Amino acid sequence: MLKHAASDYLASPKAMLDLRTLNARFIENFVRNDVEAHDALLHRDFIYIRGNGARVDRATYLEGWATGFDPKIIVYWDVRDEHITLIGNVALVRATNKEILRRNGRDIAGMSTYTDTYVYEGGLWKCIQAQITPVAADQAPGDDTIISIYREGVRVAAAGGPH
């Protein structure tokens, strides 16, 4: 019976809505350096793969999460071009972030795209892997796909895009 209930949920629009909500929470946790809330989203076997290919275990990843977002340095952050694919009880949540870093009075823009892999177990979505890849300028999604914008750590807008 549980199996049937899970498959009904996974085939429903609610599953996609829940994944969009989780993605937004993931970002909020980053901007607020909220380790406790973020820890609750992660699978016990979670691994993070950096843009340079380095694999980071769950504990080390969470240590870095506590100070990963500094609003004096990351003066602009957006989420754009979100795509979610559901395959059975696994979901791929993909989006791109544009950031502007302020260092020594200079602003430096960059983009990265991420794939967060979630598994649905025991009635909960848990992120089992996060992977980030730098985005070349000619591959950057347009501003019309922006979902949310943060300026100096404060969410200021939800604009454009499909949401």
C-alpha atoms as a PDB file:
ATOM      1  CA  MET A   1       0.000   0.000   0.000  1.00  0.00           C
ATOM      2  CA  LEU A   2       2.815   2.452   0.842  1.00  0.00           C
ATOM      3  CA  LYS A   3       4.406   1.709  -2.507  1.00  0.00           C
ATOM      4  CA  HIS A   4       1.184   2.574  -4.282  1.00  0.00           C
ATOM      5  CA  ALA A   5       0.767   5.806  -2.312  1.00  0.00           C
ATOM      6  CA  ALA A   6       4.355   6.810  -3.109  1.00  0.00           C
ATOM      7  CA  SER A   7       3.897   6.127  -6.827  1.00  0.00           C
ATOM      8  CA  ASP A   8       0.653   8.177  -6.827  1.00  0.00           C
ATOM      9  CA  TYR A   9       2.514  11.071  -5.199  1.00  0.00           C
ATOM     10  CA  LEU A  10       5.519  10.813  -7.529  1.00  0.00           C
ATOM     11  CA  ALA A  11       3.219  10.977 -10.565  1.00  0.00           C
ATOM     12  CA  SER A  12       1.347  13.996  -9.205  1.00  0.00           C
ATOM     13  CA  PRO A  13       1.901  17.718  -9.789  1.00  0.00           C
ATOM     14  CA  LYS A  14       2.460  18.007  -6.013  1.00  0.00           C
ATOM     15  CA  ALA A  15       5.803  16.176  -6.325  1.00  0.00           C
ATOM     16  CA  MET A  16       7.061  18.794  -8.799  1.00  0.00           C
ATOM     17  CA  LEU A  17       5.764  21.633  -6.628  1.00  0.00           C
ATOM     18  CA  ASP A  18       7.508  20.122  -3.585  1.00  0.00           C
ATOM     19  CA  LEU A  19      10.788  19.885  -5.534  1.00  0.00           C
ATOM     20  CA  ARG A  20      10.544  23.533  -6.631  1.00  0.00           C
ATOM     21  CA  THR A  21       9.923  24.467  -3.003  1.00  0.00           C
ATOM     22  CA  LEU A  22      12.922  22.386  -1.888  1.00  0.00           C
ATOM     23  CA  ASN A  23      15.124  24.104  -4.453  1.00  0.00           C
ATOM     24  CA  ALA A  24      14.051  27.512  -3.137  1.00  0.00           C
ATOM     25  CA  ARG A  25      14.712  26.333   0.441  1.00  0.00           C
ATOM     26  CA  PHE A  26      18.154  25.037  -0.583  1.00  0.00           C
ATOM     27  CA  ILE A  27      19.006  28.534  -1.886  1.00  0.00           C
ATOM     28  CA  GLU A  28      17.550  30.276   1.178  1.00  0.00           C
ATOM     29  CA  ASN A  29      19.618  28.008   3.422  1.00  0.00           C
ATOM     30  CA  PHE A  30      22.741  29.014   1.483  1.00  0.00           C
ATOM     31  CA  VAL A  31      22.034  32.739   1.646  1.00  0.00           C
ATOM     32  CA  ARG A  32      21.326  32.536   5.405  1.00  0.00           C
ATOM     33  CA  ASN A  33      24.215  30.098   6.121  1.00  0.00           C
ATOM     34  CA  ASP A  34      21.576  27.936   7.835  1.00  0.00           C
ATOM     35  CA  VAL A  35      23.406  24.683   8.509  1.00  0.00           C
ATOM     36  CA  GLU A  36      20.661  23.090  10.618  1.00  0.00           C
ATOM     37  CA  ALA A  37      17.912  23.642   8.048  1.00  0.00           C
ATOM     38  CA  HIS A  38      20.213  22.539   5.246  1.00  0.00           C
ATOM     39  CA  ASP A  39      21.325  19.430   7.085  1.00  0.00           C
ATOM     40  CA  ALA A  40      17.667  18.363   7.237  1.00  0.00           C
ATOM     41  CA  LEU A  41      17.513  18.340   3.413  1.00  0.00           C
ATOM     42  CA  LEU A  42      20.543  16.094   2.940  1.00  0.00           C
ATOM     43  CA  HIS A  43      20.606  12.332   2.579  1.00  0.00           C
ATOM     44  CA  ARG A  44      22.884  10.500   5.018  1.00  0.00           C
ATOM     45  CA  ASP A  45      25.102   9.480   2.053  1.00  0.00           C
ATOM     46  CA  PHE A  46      25.248  12.985   0.543  1.00  0.00           C
ATOM     47  CA  ILE A  47      28.270  14.047  -1.514  1.00  0.00           C
ATOM     48  CA  TYR A  48      29.121  17.394  -3.122  1.00  0.00           C
ATOM     49  CA  ILE A  49      31.144  17.627  -6.330  1.00  0.00           C
ATOM     50  CA  ARG A  50      32.847  20.981  -6.867  1.00  0.00           C
ATOM     51  CA  GLY A  51      33.363  22.668 -10.217  1.00  0.00           C
ATOM     52  CA  ASN A  52      36.959  21.406 -10.247  1.00  0.00           C
ATOM     53  CA  GLY A  53      35.833  17.806  -9.765  1.00  0.00           C
ATOM     54  CA  ALA A  54      36.790  17.528  -6.084  1.00  0.00           C
ATOM     55  CA  ARG A  55      34.477  15.321  -4.036  1.00  0.00           C
ATOM     56  CA  VAL A  56      33.455  16.691  -0.656  1.00  0.00           C
ATOM     57  CA  ASP A  57      31.891  14.550   2.070  1.00  0.00           C
ATOM     58  CA  ARG A  58      28.731  15.581   3.912  1.00  0.00           C
ATOM     59  CA  ALA A  59      30.426  16.770   7.131  1.00  0.00           C
ATOM     60  CA  THR A  60      33.000  18.927   5.319  1.00  0.00           C
ATOM     61  CA  TYR A  61      30.310  20.337   3.049  1.00  0.00           C
ATOM     62  CA  LEU A  62      28.172  21.372   6.035  1.00  0.00           C
ATOM     63  CA  GLU A  63      31.179  22.990   7.757  1.00  0.00           C
ATOM     64  CA  GLY A  64      31.654  25.194   4.702  1.00  0.00           C
ATOM     65  CA  TRP A  65      27.925  25.927   4.543  1.00  0.00           C
ATOM     66  CA  ALA A  66      28.120  27.880   7.820  1.00  0.00           C
ATOM     67  CA  THR A  67      30.167  30.654   6.190  1.00  0.00           C
ATOM     68  CA  GLY A  68      29.674  30.055   2.461  1.00  0.00           C
ATOM     69  CA  PHE A  69      27.594  33.165   1.786  1.00  0.00           C
ATOM     70  CA  ASP A  70      29.002  36.540   2.772  1.00  0.00           C
ATOM     71  CA  PRO A  71      26.642  39.349   1.649  1.00  0.00           C
ATOM     72  CA  LYS A  72      29.499  41.860   1.703  1.00  0.00           C
ATOM     73  CA  ILE A  73      31.304  39.754  -0.904  1.00  0.00           C
ATOM     74  CA  ILE A  74      28.390  38.177  -2.797  1.00  0.00           C
ATOM     75  CA  VAL A  75      26.543  41.415  -3.534  1.00  0.00           C
ATOM     76  CA  TYR A  76      24.243  39.897  -6.167  1.00  0.00           C
ATOM     77  CA  TRP A  77      22.921  36.347  -6.506  1.00  0.00           C
ATOM     78  CA  ASP A  78      20.160  35.020  -8.674  1.00  0.00           C
ATOM     79  CA  VAL A  79      18.564  31.707  -9.513  1.00  0.00           C
ATOM     80  CA  ARG A  80      17.507  31.119 -13.094  1.00  0.00           C
ATOM     81  CA  ASP A  81      16.683  28.524 -15.713  1.00  0.00           C
ATOM     82  CA  GLU A  82      15.277  25.914 -13.306  1.00  0.00           C
ATOM     83  CA  HIS A  83      14.570  22.470 -14.760  1.00  0.00           C
ATOM     84  CA  ILE A  84      13.323  19.484 -12.787  1.00  0.00           C
ATOM     85  CA  THR A  85      13.221  15.937 -14.097  1.00  0.00           C
ATOM     86  CA  LEU A  86      11.521  13.121 -12.193  1.00  0.00           C
ATOM     87  CA  ILE A  87      12.547   9.530 -12.911  1.00  0.00           C
ATOM     88  CA  GLY A  88      10.814   7.114 -10.564  1.00  0.00           C
ATOM     89  CA  ASN A  89      11.806   8.132  -7.027  1.00  0.00           C
ATOM     90  CA  VAL A  90      14.808  10.196  -8.208  1.00  0.00           C
ATOM     91  CA  ALA A  91      14.684  13.856  -9.169  1.00  0.00           C
ATOM     92  CA  LEU A  92      17.276  15.996 -10.912  1.00  0.00           C
ATOM     93  CA  VAL A  93      16.900  19.639  -9.913  1.00  0.00           C
ATOM     94  CA  ARG A  94      18.933  21.880 -12.192  1.00  0.00           C
ATOM     95  CA  ALA A  95      19.311  25.647 -12.280  1.00  0.00           C
ATOM     96  CA  THR A  96      21.891  28.346 -12.878  1.00  0.00           C
ATOM     97  CA  ASN A  97      23.145  31.053 -10.530  1.00  0.00           C
ATOM     98  CA  LYS A  98      24.586  34.387 -11.533  1.00  0.00           C
ATOM     99  CA  GLU A  99      26.714  36.051  -8.892  1.00  0.00           C
ATOM    100  CA  ILE A 100      28.530  39.322  -8.575  1.00  0.00           C
ATOM    101  CA  LEU A 101      31.437  39.188  -6.154  1.00  0.00           C
ATOM    102  CA  ARG A 102      32.872  42.409  -4.749  1.00  0.00           C
ATOM    103  CA  ARG A 103      36.580  42.131  -4.049  1.00  0.00           C
ATOM    104  CA  ASN A 104      38.861  45.086  -3.364  1.00  0.00           C
ATOM    105  CA  GLY A 105      36.192  47.464  -4.637  1.00  0.00           C
ATOM    106  CA  ARG A 106      35.764  45.632  -7.946  1.00  0.00           C
ATOM    107  CA  ASP A 107      32.707  43.687  -9.035  1.00  0.00           C
ATOM    108  CA  ILE A 108      33.321  40.376 -10.785  1.00  0.00           C
ATOM    109  CA  ALA A 109      30.393  38.538 -12.417  1.00  0.00           C
ATOM    110  CA  GLY A 110      30.220  34.804 -12.927  1.00  0.00           C
ATOM    111  CA  MET A 111      27.760  31.976 -13.425  1.00  0.00           C
ATOM    112  CA  SER A 112      27.535  28.369 -12.396  1.00  0.00           C
ATOM    113  CA  THR A 113      24.964  25.710 -13.026  1.00  0.00           C
ATOM    114  CA  TYR A 114      24.080  23.012 -10.563  1.00  0.00           C
ATOM    115  CA  THR A 115      22.389  19.661 -10.450  1.00  0.00           C
ATOM    116  CA  ASP A 116      20.997  18.530  -7.130  1.00  0.00           C
ATOM    117  CA  THR A 117      19.961  14.880  -7.134  1.00  0.00           C
ATOM    118  CA  TYR A 118      17.135  13.973  -4.776  1.00  0.00           C
ATOM    119  CA  VAL A 119      15.851  10.564  -3.796  1.00  0.00           C
ATOM    120  CA  TYR A 120      12.360  10.029  -2.381  1.00  0.00           C
ATOM    121  CA  GLU A 121      12.564   7.646   0.609  1.00  0.00           C
ATOM    122  CA  GLY A 122      10.261   7.166   3.547  1.00  0.00           C
ATOM    123  CA  GLY A 123       7.932   9.912   2.362  1.00  0.00           C
ATOM    124  CA  LEU A 124      10.691  12.565   2.137  1.00  0.00           C
ATOM    125  CA  TRP A 125      12.892  14.041  -0.559  1.00  0.00           C
ATOM    126  CA  LYS A 126      16.573  14.015   0.428  1.00  0.00           C
ATOM    127  CA  CYS A 127      19.429  15.484  -1.583  1.00  0.00           C
ATOM    128  CA  ILE A 128      22.012  12.754  -2.149  1.00  0.00           C
ATOM    129  CA  GLN A 129      24.350  14.681  -4.459  1.00  0.00           C
ATOM    130  CA  ALA A 130      25.015  18.284  -5.456  1.00  0.00           C
ATOM    131  CA  GLN A 131      27.276  19.161  -8.351  1.00  0.00           C
ATOM    132  CA  ILE A 132      28.311  22.614  -9.579  1.00  0.00           C
ATOM    133  CA  THR A 133      29.793  23.483 -12.973  1.00  0.00           C
ATOM    134  CA  PRO A 134      31.051  26.880 -14.180  1.00  0.00           C
ATOM    135  CA  VAL A 135      29.075  28.351 -17.097  1.00  0.00           C
ATOM    136  CA  ALA A 136      30.826  29.868 -20.115  1.00  0.00           C
ATOM    137  CA  ALA A 137      29.494  33.290 -21.154  1.00  0.00           C
ATOM    138  CA  ASP A 138      28.129  31.943 -24.459  1.00  0.00           C
ATOM    139  CA  GLN A 139      26.100  29.310 -22.548  1.00  0.00           C
ATOM    140  CA  ALA A 140      24.521  31.675 -20.007  1.00  0.00           C
ATOM    141  CA  PRO A 141      20.740  31.520 -19.715  1.00  0.00           C
ATOM    142  CA  GLY A 142      18.978  34.840 -20.229  1.00  0.00           C
ATOM    143  CA  ASP A 143      17.598  37.179 -17.610  1.00  0.00           C
ATOM    144  CA  ASP A 144      14.084  36.197 -18.726  1.00  0.00           C
ATOM    145  CA  THR A 145      14.601  32.885 -16.861  1.00  0.00           C
ATOM    146  CA  ILE A 146      15.319  34.504 -13.453  1.00  0.00           C
ATOM    147  CA  ILE A 147      13.318  33.006 -10.591  1.00  0.00           C
ATOM    148  CA  SER A 148      14.725  34.944  -7.642  1.00  0.00           C
ATOM    149  CA  ILE A 149      17.213  37.727  -6.956  1.00  0.00           C
ATOM    150  CA  TYR A 150      19.216  38.502  -3.811  1.00  0.00           C
ATOM    151  CA  ARG A 151      21.106  41.732  -3.238  1.00  0.00           C
ATOM    152  CA  GLU A 152      23.566  41.650  -0.339  1.00  0.00           C
ATOM    153  CA  GLY A 153      21.776  38.601   1.050  1.00  0.00           C
ATOM    154  CA  VAL A 154      18.232  40.002   0.882  1.00  0.00           C
ATOM    155  CA  ARG A 155      15.687  38.572  -1.509  1.00  0.00           C
ATOM    156  CA  VAL A 156      14.439  41.503  -3.521  1.00  0.00           C
ATOM    157  CA  ALA A 157      12.541  39.986  -6.404  1.00  0.00           C
ATOM    158  CA  ALA A 158      11.089  37.022  -8.122  1.00  0.00           C
ATOM    159  CA  ALA A 159      11.030  37.977 -11.764  1.00  0.00           C
ATOM    160  CA  GLY A 160      10.749  36.477 -15.203  1.00  0.00           C
ATOM    161  CA  GLY A 161      10.914  32.790 -15.895  1.00  0.00           C
ATOM    162  CA  PRO A 162       8.215  30.158 -15.667  1.00  0.00           C
ATOM    163  CA  HIS A 163       7.385  30.750 -11.975  1.00  0.00           C
END
